[in-house]
Structure formats: C-alpha cells, structure tokens
C-alpha cells in the first residue's frame, strides 16, 4: 500500500503524521485490495477563525473513494474523513457480498 500525505498552508506535526498513519492502517483492515491512500490537509481561513479540511482518496481496483472532512481541529477533520471512508468501504463490501450470494444462488 502506498500512503501519501499532502499539507497546504501549514506544516504537520510528527504527532499528526503518526495519527494519519494509524488511521490509514485502520482503513486497510477493511479491504486488503486497497492500493493507495491519499490524505490532503489544508487550512481554510475565514475572517475570524480557521478550520481544517481533510480530503481522503482511497484507490481500490475498480473503485475509487473520495471523501472530505472539515473541523476546527486537524485531528478531528482527519477522523471525520476516515469515518466517512469506512462507511463507503463497508457499503462496497456489502454490495460485493450480495452479488456473490446472488450468483451462488443462481448456480444452485
């Protein structure tokens, strides 16, 4: 698996990089066919406050998942994106299993 971390408008701390690596490993547990995980973090500045945005692209043969998470904390933005990616991966896995069951029933 290839993991890419890109940050714009700020430099990530070593703790944030470690946190992202752990979350990437948790995504890998859901599907062994994942080839690449890309995290894109950025800072969005409004007039009074700043917020973090995390884009997450998960490449799977036949499917690509692209999700986003926004929050006032970088770690929380990453968690929101990872949770959304996990939901999407579970949906894809459920659809694959349902298709296999349908084919198995038709063959019997």
C-alpha atoms as a PDB file:
ATOM      1  CA  UNK A   1       0.000   0.000   0.000  1.00  0.00           C
ATOM      2  CA  UNK A   2       1.156   3.477  -0.847  1.00  0.00           C
ATOM      3  CA  UNK A   3       0.260   6.298   1.559  1.00  0.00           C
ATOM      4  CA  UNK A   4       0.584   9.947   0.549  1.00  0.00           C
ATOM      5  CA  UNK A   5       0.157  12.916   2.904  1.00  0.00           C
ATOM      6  CA  UNK A   6      -0.060  16.432   1.451  1.00  0.00           C
ATOM      7  CA  UNK A   7      -0.487  19.569   3.548  1.00  0.00           C
ATOM      8  CA  UNK A   8      -1.160  23.060   2.271  1.00  0.00           C
ATOM      9  CA  UNK A   9      -0.787  26.289   4.235  1.00  0.00           C
ATOM     10  CA  UNK A  10       0.708  24.588   7.297  1.00  0.00           C
ATOM     11  CA  UNK A  11       3.397  22.126   8.332  1.00  0.00           C
ATOM     12  CA  UNK A  12       2.090  18.960  10.018  1.00  0.00           C
ATOM     13  CA  UNK A  13       3.473  17.926  13.384  1.00  0.00           C
ATOM     14  CA  UNK A  14       5.068  14.492  13.824  1.00  0.00           C
ATOM     15  CA  UNK A  15       2.114  13.569  16.052  1.00  0.00           C
ATOM     16  CA  UNK A  16      -0.323  14.389  13.229  1.00  0.00           C
ATOM     17  CA  UNK A  17       1.702  12.291  10.775  1.00  0.00           C
ATOM     18  CA  UNK A  18       1.664   9.357  13.205  1.00  0.00           C
ATOM     19  CA  UNK A  19      -2.082   9.784  13.749  1.00  0.00           C
ATOM     20  CA  UNK A  20      -2.713   9.758   9.990  1.00  0.00           C
ATOM     21  CA  UNK A  21      -0.580   6.623   9.615  1.00  0.00           C
ATOM     22  CA  UNK A  22      -2.613   4.835  12.285  1.00  0.00           C
ATOM     23  CA  UNK A  23      -5.874   5.810  10.611  1.00  0.00           C
ATOM     24  CA  UNK A  24      -4.586   4.614   7.240  1.00  0.00           C
ATOM     25  CA  UNK A  25      -3.827   1.232   8.823  1.00  0.00           C
ATOM     26  CA  UNK A  26      -7.375   1.061  10.202  1.00  0.00           C
ATOM     27  CA  UNK A  27      -8.722   1.652   6.686  1.00  0.00           C
ATOM     28  CA  UNK A  28      -6.509  -1.127   5.327  1.00  0.00           C
ATOM     29  CA  UNK A  29      -8.077  -3.626   7.712  1.00  0.00           C
ATOM     30  CA  UNK A  30     -11.408  -3.226   5.944  1.00  0.00           C
ATOM     31  CA  UNK A  31     -10.192  -4.175   2.455  1.00  0.00           C
ATOM     32  CA  UNK A  32      -6.930  -5.885   1.523  1.00  0.00           C
ATOM     33  CA  UNK A  33      -7.125  -4.784  -2.115  1.00  0.00           C
ATOM     34  CA  UNK A  34      -6.502  -1.082  -1.360  1.00  0.00           C
ATOM     35  CA  UNK A  35      -3.565   0.123  -3.426  1.00  0.00           C
ATOM     36  CA  UNK A  36      -3.179   3.730  -2.296  1.00  0.00           C
ATOM     37  CA  UNK A  37      -4.491   6.111   0.350  1.00  0.00           C
ATOM     38  CA  UNK A  38      -4.034   9.871  -0.143  1.00  0.00           C
ATOM     39  CA  UNK A  39      -4.614  12.425   2.615  1.00  0.00           C
ATOM     40  CA  UNK A  40      -4.809  16.076   1.597  1.00  0.00           C
ATOM     41  CA  UNK A  41      -4.957  18.510   4.512  1.00  0.00           C
ATOM     42  CA  UNK A  42      -5.444  22.233   4.258  1.00  0.00           C
ATOM     43  CA  UNK A  43      -6.301  25.267   6.311  1.00  0.00           C
ATOM     44  CA  UNK A  44      -9.302  27.352   5.373  1.00  0.00           C
ATOM     45  CA  UNK A  45      -9.170  30.805   6.898  1.00  0.00           C
ATOM     46  CA  UNK A  46     -12.271  32.907   7.419  1.00  0.00           C
ATOM     47  CA  UNK A  47     -12.344  36.418   8.841  1.00  0.00           C
ATOM     48  CA  UNK A  48     -12.352  35.310  12.479  1.00  0.00           C
ATOM     49  CA  UNK A  49     -11.361  31.658  12.651  1.00  0.00           C
ATOM     50  CA  UNK A  50      -9.558  28.966  10.790  1.00  0.00           C
ATOM     51  CA  UNK A  51     -10.756  25.486  10.023  1.00  0.00           C
ATOM     52  CA  UNK A  52      -9.054  22.393   8.699  1.00  0.00           C
ATOM     53  CA  UNK A  53     -10.189  20.389   5.708  1.00  0.00           C
ATOM     54  CA  UNK A  54      -9.109  16.816   5.024  1.00  0.00           C
ATOM     55  CA  UNK A  55      -9.638  15.158   1.679  1.00  0.00           C
ATOM     56  CA  UNK A  56      -9.186  11.411   1.537  1.00  0.00           C
ATOM     57  CA  UNK A  57      -8.845   9.343  -1.632  1.00  0.00           C
ATOM     58  CA  UNK A  58      -8.794   5.559  -1.360  1.00  0.00           C
ATOM     59  CA  UNK A  59      -7.847   3.670  -4.509  1.00  0.00           C
ATOM     60  CA  UNK A  60      -9.277   0.184  -4.925  1.00  0.00           C
ATOM     61  CA  UNK A  61      -9.225  -1.792  -8.175  1.00  0.00           C
ATOM     62  CA  UNK A  62     -12.482  -0.931  -9.908  1.00  0.00           C
ATOM     63  CA  UNK A  63     -13.477   1.756  -7.388  1.00  0.00           C
ATOM     64  CA  UNK A  64     -12.074   4.973  -6.005  1.00  0.00           C
ATOM     65  CA  UNK A  65     -13.482   6.570  -2.887  1.00  0.00           C
ATOM     66  CA  UNK A  66     -13.162  10.303  -2.365  1.00  0.00           C
ATOM     67  CA  UNK A  67     -14.423  11.845   0.895  1.00  0.00           C
ATOM     68  CA  UNK A  68     -13.887  15.054   2.841  1.00  0.00           C
ATOM     69  CA  UNK A  69     -13.949  16.119   6.474  1.00  0.00           C
ATOM     70  CA  UNK A  70     -13.987  19.630   7.964  1.00  0.00           C
ATOM     71  CA  UNK A  71     -13.357  20.733  11.530  1.00  0.00           C
ATOM     72  CA  UNK A  72     -11.632  23.322  13.678  1.00  0.00           C
ATOM     73  CA  UNK A  73      -9.011  20.717  14.680  1.00  0.00           C
ATOM     74  CA  UNK A  74      -6.771  18.859  12.227  1.00  0.00           C
ATOM     75  CA  UNK A  75      -7.133  15.523  14.040  1.00  0.00           C
ATOM     76  CA  UNK A  76     -10.923  15.818  14.057  1.00  0.00           C
ATOM     77  CA  UNK A  77     -11.007  16.637  10.331  1.00  0.00           C
ATOM     78  CA  UNK A  78      -8.948  13.516   9.631  1.00  0.00           C
ATOM     79  CA  UNK A  79     -11.259  11.408  11.818  1.00  0.00           C
ATOM     80  CA  UNK A  80     -14.356  12.677  10.016  1.00  0.00           C
ATOM     81  CA  UNK A  81     -12.854  11.823   6.618  1.00  0.00           C
ATOM     82  CA  UNK A  82     -11.701   8.382   7.810  1.00  0.00           C
ATOM     83  CA  UNK A  83     -15.130   7.582   9.282  1.00  0.00           C
ATOM     84  CA  UNK A  84     -16.787   8.552   6.014  1.00  0.00           C
ATOM     85  CA  UNK A  85     -14.335   6.400   4.033  1.00  0.00           C
ATOM     86  CA  UNK A  86     -15.010   3.432   6.320  1.00  0.00           C
ATOM     87  CA  UNK A  87     -18.766   3.769   5.737  1.00  0.00           C
ATOM     88  CA  UNK A  88     -18.185   3.840   1.975  1.00  0.00           C
ATOM     89  CA  UNK A  89     -15.898   0.797   2.104  1.00  0.00           C
ATOM     90  CA  UNK A  90     -18.485  -1.137   4.107  1.00  0.00           C
ATOM     91  CA  UNK A  91     -21.154  -0.295   1.513  1.00  0.00           C
ATOM     92  CA  UNK A  92     -18.924  -1.518  -1.310  1.00  0.00           C
ATOM     93  CA  UNK A  93     -18.104  -4.711   0.564  1.00  0.00           C
ATOM     94  CA  UNK A  94     -21.789  -5.354   1.287  1.00  0.00           C
ATOM     95  CA  UNK A  95     -22.645  -4.919  -2.393  1.00  0.00           C
ATOM     96  CA  UNK A  96     -19.868  -7.337  -3.421  1.00  0.00           C
ATOM     97  CA  UNK A  97     -21.081  -9.970  -0.960  1.00  0.00           C
ATOM     98  CA  UNK A  98     -24.683  -9.570  -2.102  1.00  0.00           C
ATOM     99  CA  UNK A  99     -23.626 -10.021  -5.732  1.00  0.00           C
ATOM    100  CA  UNK A 100     -21.654 -13.175  -4.858  1.00  0.00           C
ATOM    101  CA  UNK A 101     -24.608 -14.617  -2.968  1.00  0.00           C
ATOM    102  CA  UNK A 102     -26.912 -13.862  -5.864  1.00  0.00           C
ATOM    103  CA  UNK A 103     -24.606 -15.651  -8.313  1.00  0.00           C
ATOM    104  CA  UNK A 104     -24.211 -18.619  -5.956  1.00  0.00           C
ATOM    105  CA  UNK A 105     -27.982 -18.978  -5.588  1.00  0.00           C
ATOM    106  CA  UNK A 106     -28.486 -18.794  -9.349  1.00  0.00           C
ATOM    107  CA  UNK A 107     -25.915 -21.534  -9.948  1.00  0.00           C
ATOM    108  CA  UNK A 108     -27.577 -23.943  -7.493  1.00  0.00           C
END
